[in-house]
PDB file of N, CA and C in Angstrom:
ATOM      1  N   MET A   1      41.852  83.681   2.704  1.00  0.00           N
ATOM      2  CA  MET A   1      41.424  84.656   3.696  1.00  0.00           C
ATOM      3  C   MET A   1      40.283  85.504   3.153  1.00  0.00           C
ATOM      4  N   GLY A   2      40.370  85.886   1.878  1.00  0.00           N
ATOM      5  CA  GLY A   2      39.325  86.707   1.276  1.00  0.00           C
ATOM      6  C   GLY A   2      37.995  85.978   1.202  1.00  0.00           C
ATOM      7  N   THR A   3      38.055  84.672   0.932  1.00  0.00           N
ATOM      8  CA  THR A   3      36.834  83.866   0.861  1.00  0.00           C
ATOM      9  C   THR A   3      36.143  83.830   2.214  1.00  0.00           C
ATOM     10  N   LEU A   4      36.907  83.696   3.267  1.00  0.00           N
ATOM     11  CA  LEU A   4      36.351  83.668   4.617  1.00  0.00           C
ATOM     12  C   LEU A   4      35.635  84.978   4.936  1.00  0.00           C
ATOM     13  N   ILE A   5      36.208  86.087   4.550  1.00  0.00           N
ATOM     14  CA  ILE A   5      35.591  87.392   4.796  1.00  0.00           C
ATOM     15  C   ILE A   5      34.282  87.509   4.031  1.00  0.00           C
ATOM     16  N   VAL A   6      34.262  87.089   2.785  1.00  0.00           N
ATOM     17  CA  VAL A   6      33.045  87.139   1.976  1.00  0.00           C
ATOM     18  C   VAL A   6      31.965  86.247   2.582  1.00  0.00           C
ATOM     19  N   VAL A   7      32.334  85.048   3.025  1.00  0.00           N
ATOM     20  CA  VAL A   7      31.375  84.131   3.637  1.00  0.00           C
ATOM     21  C   VAL A   7      30.807  84.736   4.913  1.00  0.00           C
ATOM     22  N   LEU A   8      31.633  85.352   5.723  1.00  0.00           N
ATOM     23  CA  LEU A   8      31.165  85.981   6.958  1.00  0.00           C
ATOM     24  C   LEU A   8      30.215  87.144   6.670  1.00  0.00           C
ATOM     25  N   ILE A   9      30.529  87.932   5.668  1.00  0.00           N
ATOM     26  CA  ILE A   9      29.653  89.051   5.296  1.00  0.00           C
ATOM     27  C   ILE A   9      28.303  88.524   4.808  1.00  0.00           C
ATOM     28  N   LEU A  10      28.324  87.510   3.948  1.00  0.00           N
ATOM     29  CA  LEU A  10      27.075  86.931   3.453  1.00  0.00           C
ATOM     30  C   LEU A  10      26.264  86.301   4.579  1.00  0.00           C
ATOM     31  N   ALA A  11      26.920  85.637   5.505  1.00  0.00           N
ATOM     32  CA  ALA A  11      26.226  85.035   6.642  1.00  0.00           C
ATOM     33  C   ALA A  11      25.575  86.112   7.505  1.00  0.00           C
ATOM     34  N   ALA A  12      26.257  87.235   7.689  1.00  0.00           N
ATOM     35  CA  ALA A  12      25.692  88.334   8.467  1.00  0.00           C
ATOM     36  C   ALA A  12      24.466  88.925   7.766  1.00  0.00           C
ATOM     37  N   ILE A  13      24.519  89.049   6.453  1.00  0.00           N
ATOM     38  CA  ILE A  13      23.389  89.583   5.692  1.00  0.00           C
ATOM     39  C   ILE A  13      22.193  88.639   5.793  1.00  0.00           C
ATOM     40  N   VAL A  14      22.427  87.349   5.620  1.00  0.00           N
ATOM     41  CA  VAL A  14      21.340  86.368   5.716  1.00  0.00           C
ATOM     42  C   VAL A  14      20.746  86.365   7.122  1.00  0.00           C
ATOM     43  N   ALA A  15      21.585  86.438   8.143  1.00  0.00           N
ATOM     44  CA  ALA A  15      21.103  86.467   9.521  1.00  0.00           C
ATOM     45  C   ALA A  15      20.250  87.715   9.765  1.00  0.00           C
ATOM     46  N   ALA A  16      20.656  88.853   9.220  1.00  0.00           N
ATOM     47  CA  ALA A  16      19.879  90.088   9.386  1.00  0.00           C
ATOM     48  C   ALA A  16      18.525  89.982   8.687  1.00  0.00           C
ATOM     49  N   ILE A  17      18.487  89.366   7.521  1.00  0.00           N
ATOM     50  CA  ILE A  17      17.225  89.192   6.797  1.00  0.00           C
ATOM     51  C   ILE A  17      16.293  88.279   7.590  1.00  0.00           C
ATOM     52  N   ILE A  18      16.807  87.165   8.078  1.00  0.00           N
ATOM     53  CA  ILE A  18      15.985  86.240   8.850  1.00  0.00           C
ATOM     54  C   ILE A  18      15.475  86.902  10.118  1.00  0.00           C
ATOM     55  N   ARG A  19      16.332  87.651  10.780  1.00  0.00           N
ATOM     56  CA  ARG A  19      15.926  88.357  12.001  1.00  0.00           C
ATOM     57  C   ARG A  19      14.818  89.357  11.700  1.00  0.00           C
ATOM     58  N   SER A  20      14.923  90.059  10.602  1.00  0.00           N
ATOM     59  CA  SER A  20      13.909  91.024  10.206  1.00  0.00           C
ATOM     60  C   SER A  20      12.571  90.340   9.934  1.00  0.00           C
ATOM     61  N   ILE A  21      12.602  89.205   9.265  1.00  0.00           N
ATOM     62  CA  ILE A  21      11.375  88.463   8.967  1.00  0.00           C
ATOM     63  C   ILE A  21      10.727  87.962  10.254  1.00  0.00           C
ATOM     64  N   VAL A  22      11.532  87.433  11.169  1.00  0.00           N
ATOM     65  CA  VAL A  22      10.999  86.921  12.435  1.00  0.00           C
ATOM     66  C   VAL A  22      10.376  88.057  13.243  1.00  0.00           C
ATOM     67  N   LYS A  23      11.049  89.192  13.315  1.00  0.00           N
ATOM     68  CA  LYS A  23      10.510  90.330  14.065  1.00  0.00           C
ATOM     69  C   LYS A  23       9.220  90.836  13.447  1.00  0.00           C
ATOM     70  N   ALA A  24       9.137  90.883  12.120  1.00  0.00           N
ATOM     71  CA  ALA A  24       7.918  91.329  11.449  1.00  0.00           C
ATOM     72  C   ALA A  24       6.781  90.351  11.722  1.00  0.00           C
ATOM     73  N   HIS A  25       7.087  89.071  11.716  1.00  0.00           N
ATOM     74  CA  HIS A  25       6.058  88.072  11.975  1.00  0.00           C
ATOM     75  C   HIS A  25       5.534  88.203  13.400  1.00  0.00           C
ATOM     76  N   LYS A  26       6.400  88.494  14.366  1.00  0.00           N
ATOM     77  CA  LYS A  26       5.974  88.683  15.748  1.00  0.00           C
ATOM     78  C   LYS A  26       5.092  89.917  15.904  1.00  0.00           C
ATOM     79  N   ARG A  27       5.289  90.918  15.032  1.00  0.00           N
ATOM     80  CA  ARG A  27       4.451  92.120  15.055  1.00  0.00           C
ATOM     81  C   ARG A  27       3.130  91.899  14.329  1.00  0.00           C
ATOM     82  N   GLY A  28       2.961  90.744  13.723  1.00  0.00           N
ATOM     83  CA  GLY A  28       1.736  90.432  13.015  1.00  0.00           C
ATOM     84  C   GLY A  28       1.790  90.748  11.539  1.00  0.00           C
ATOM     85  N   GLU A  29       2.922  91.175  11.063  1.00  0.00           N
ATOM     86  CA  GLU A  29       3.091  91.452   9.650  1.00  0.00           C
ATOM     87  C   GLU A  29       3.502  90.167   8.943  1.00  0.00           C
ATOM     88  N   HIS A  30       3.224  90.101   7.658  1.00  0.00           N
ATOM     89  CA  HIS A  30       3.574  88.916   6.893  1.00  0.00           C
ATOM     90  C   HIS A  30       4.342  89.340   5.653  1.00  0.00           C
ATOM     91  N   PRO A  31       5.657  89.508   5.787  1.00  0.00           N
ATOM     92  CA  PRO A  31       6.465  89.953   4.656  1.00  0.00           C
ATOM     93  C   PRO A  31       6.413  88.964   3.501  1.00  0.00           C
ATOM     94  N   GLY A  32       6.283  89.498   2.322  1.00  0.00           N
ATOM     95  CA  GLY A  32       6.299  88.665   1.142  1.00  0.00           C
ATOM     96  C   GLY A  32       4.933  88.251   0.645  1.00  0.00           C
ATOM     97  N   CYS A  33       3.859  88.559   1.391  1.00  0.00           N
ATOM     98  CA  CYS A  33       2.556  88.092   0.933  1.00  0.00           C
ATOM     99  C   CYS A  33       1.673  89.229   0.440  1.00  0.00           C
ATOM    100  N   GLY A  34       2.001  90.464   0.712  1.00  0.00           N
ATOM    101  CA  GLY A  34       1.198  91.587   0.242  1.00  0.00           C
ATOM    102  C   GLY A  34       0.043  91.936   1.148  1.00  0.00           C
ATOM    103  N   GLY A  35      -0.292  91.075   2.101  1.00  0.00           N
ATOM    104  CA  GLY A  35      -1.304  91.387   3.091  1.00  0.00           C
ATOM    105  C   GLY A  35      -2.744  91.128   2.680  1.00  0.00           C
ATOM    106  N   ASP A  36      -3.006  90.612   1.480  1.00  0.00           N
ATOM    107  CA  ASP A  36      -4.369  90.341   1.048  1.00  0.00           C
ATOM    108  C   ASP A  36      -4.730  88.905   1.402  1.00  0.00           C
ATOM    109  N   CYS A  37      -5.060  88.671   2.660  1.00  0.00           N
ATOM    110  CA  CYS A  37      -5.295  87.313   3.140  1.00  0.00           C
ATOM    111  C   CYS A  37      -6.595  86.713   2.615  1.00  0.00           C
ATOM    112  N   GLY A  38      -7.513  87.548   2.161  1.00  0.00           N
ATOM    113  CA  GLY A  38      -8.769  87.040   1.632  1.00  0.00           C
ATOM    114  C   GLY A  38      -8.589  86.199   0.385  1.00  0.00           C
ATOM    115  N   SER A  39      -7.551  86.494  -0.385  1.00  0.00           N
ATOM    116  CA  SER A  39      -7.334  85.752  -1.628  1.00  0.00           C
ATOM    117  C   SER A  39      -6.190  84.748  -1.503  1.00  0.00           C
ATOM    118  N   CYS A  40      -5.744  84.516  -0.294  1.00  0.00           N
ATOM    119  CA  CYS A  40      -4.605  83.627  -0.064  1.00  0.00           C
ATOM    120  C   CYS A  40      -5.090  82.289   0.480  1.00  0.00           C
ATOM    121  N   GLY A  41      -4.790  81.226  -0.219  1.00  0.00           N
ATOM    122  CA  GLY A  41      -5.165  79.902   0.240  1.00  0.00           C
ATOM    123  C   GLY A  41      -4.234  79.335   1.309  1.00  0.00           C
ATOM    124  N   HIS A  42      -3.114  79.993   1.532  1.00  0.00           N
ATOM    125  CA  HIS A  42      -2.127  79.500   2.486  1.00  0.00           C
ATOM    126  C   HIS A  42      -2.195  80.199   3.828  1.00  0.00           C
ATOM    127  N   CYS A  43      -3.058  81.160   3.951  1.00  0.00           N
ATOM    128  CA  CYS A  43      -3.108  81.992   5.146  1.00  0.00           C
ATOM    129  C   CYS A  43      -3.981  81.323   6.211  1.00  0.00           C
ATOM    130  N   SER A  44      -3.488  81.271   7.445  1.00  0.00           N
ATOM    131  CA  SER A  44      -4.221  80.610   8.519  1.00  0.00           C
ATOM    132  C   SER A  44      -4.902  81.603   9.459  1.00  0.00           C
ATOM    133  N   HIS A  45      -4.902  82.868   9.124  1.00  0.00           N
ATOM    134  CA  HIS A  45      -5.557  83.860   9.978  1.00  0.00           C
ATOM    135  C   HIS A  45      -6.477  84.730   9.127  1.00  0.00           C
ATOM    136  N   SER A  46      -7.367  85.412   9.792  1.00  0.00           N
ATOM    137  CA  SER A  46      -8.269  86.308   9.060  1.00  0.00           C
ATOM    138  C   SER A  46      -7.933  87.736   9.384  1.00  0.00           C
ATOM    139  N   VAL A  47      -8.236  88.612   8.468  1.00  0.00           N
ATOM    140  CA  VAL A  47      -7.901  90.032   8.631  1.00  0.00           C
ATOM    141  C   VAL A  47      -9.085  90.766   9.177  1.00  0.00           C
TER     142      VAL A  47
END
């Protein structure tokens, strides 16, 4: 029973993190990259 509770808590935390990243991306923010797109070879947009 305790394992199930821990798994549910971890799943909720992961879901909240993913939701936060998706919402930030929709606002035009790019979490995790620092925002310096000029020096980023992986960035597909210009600032």
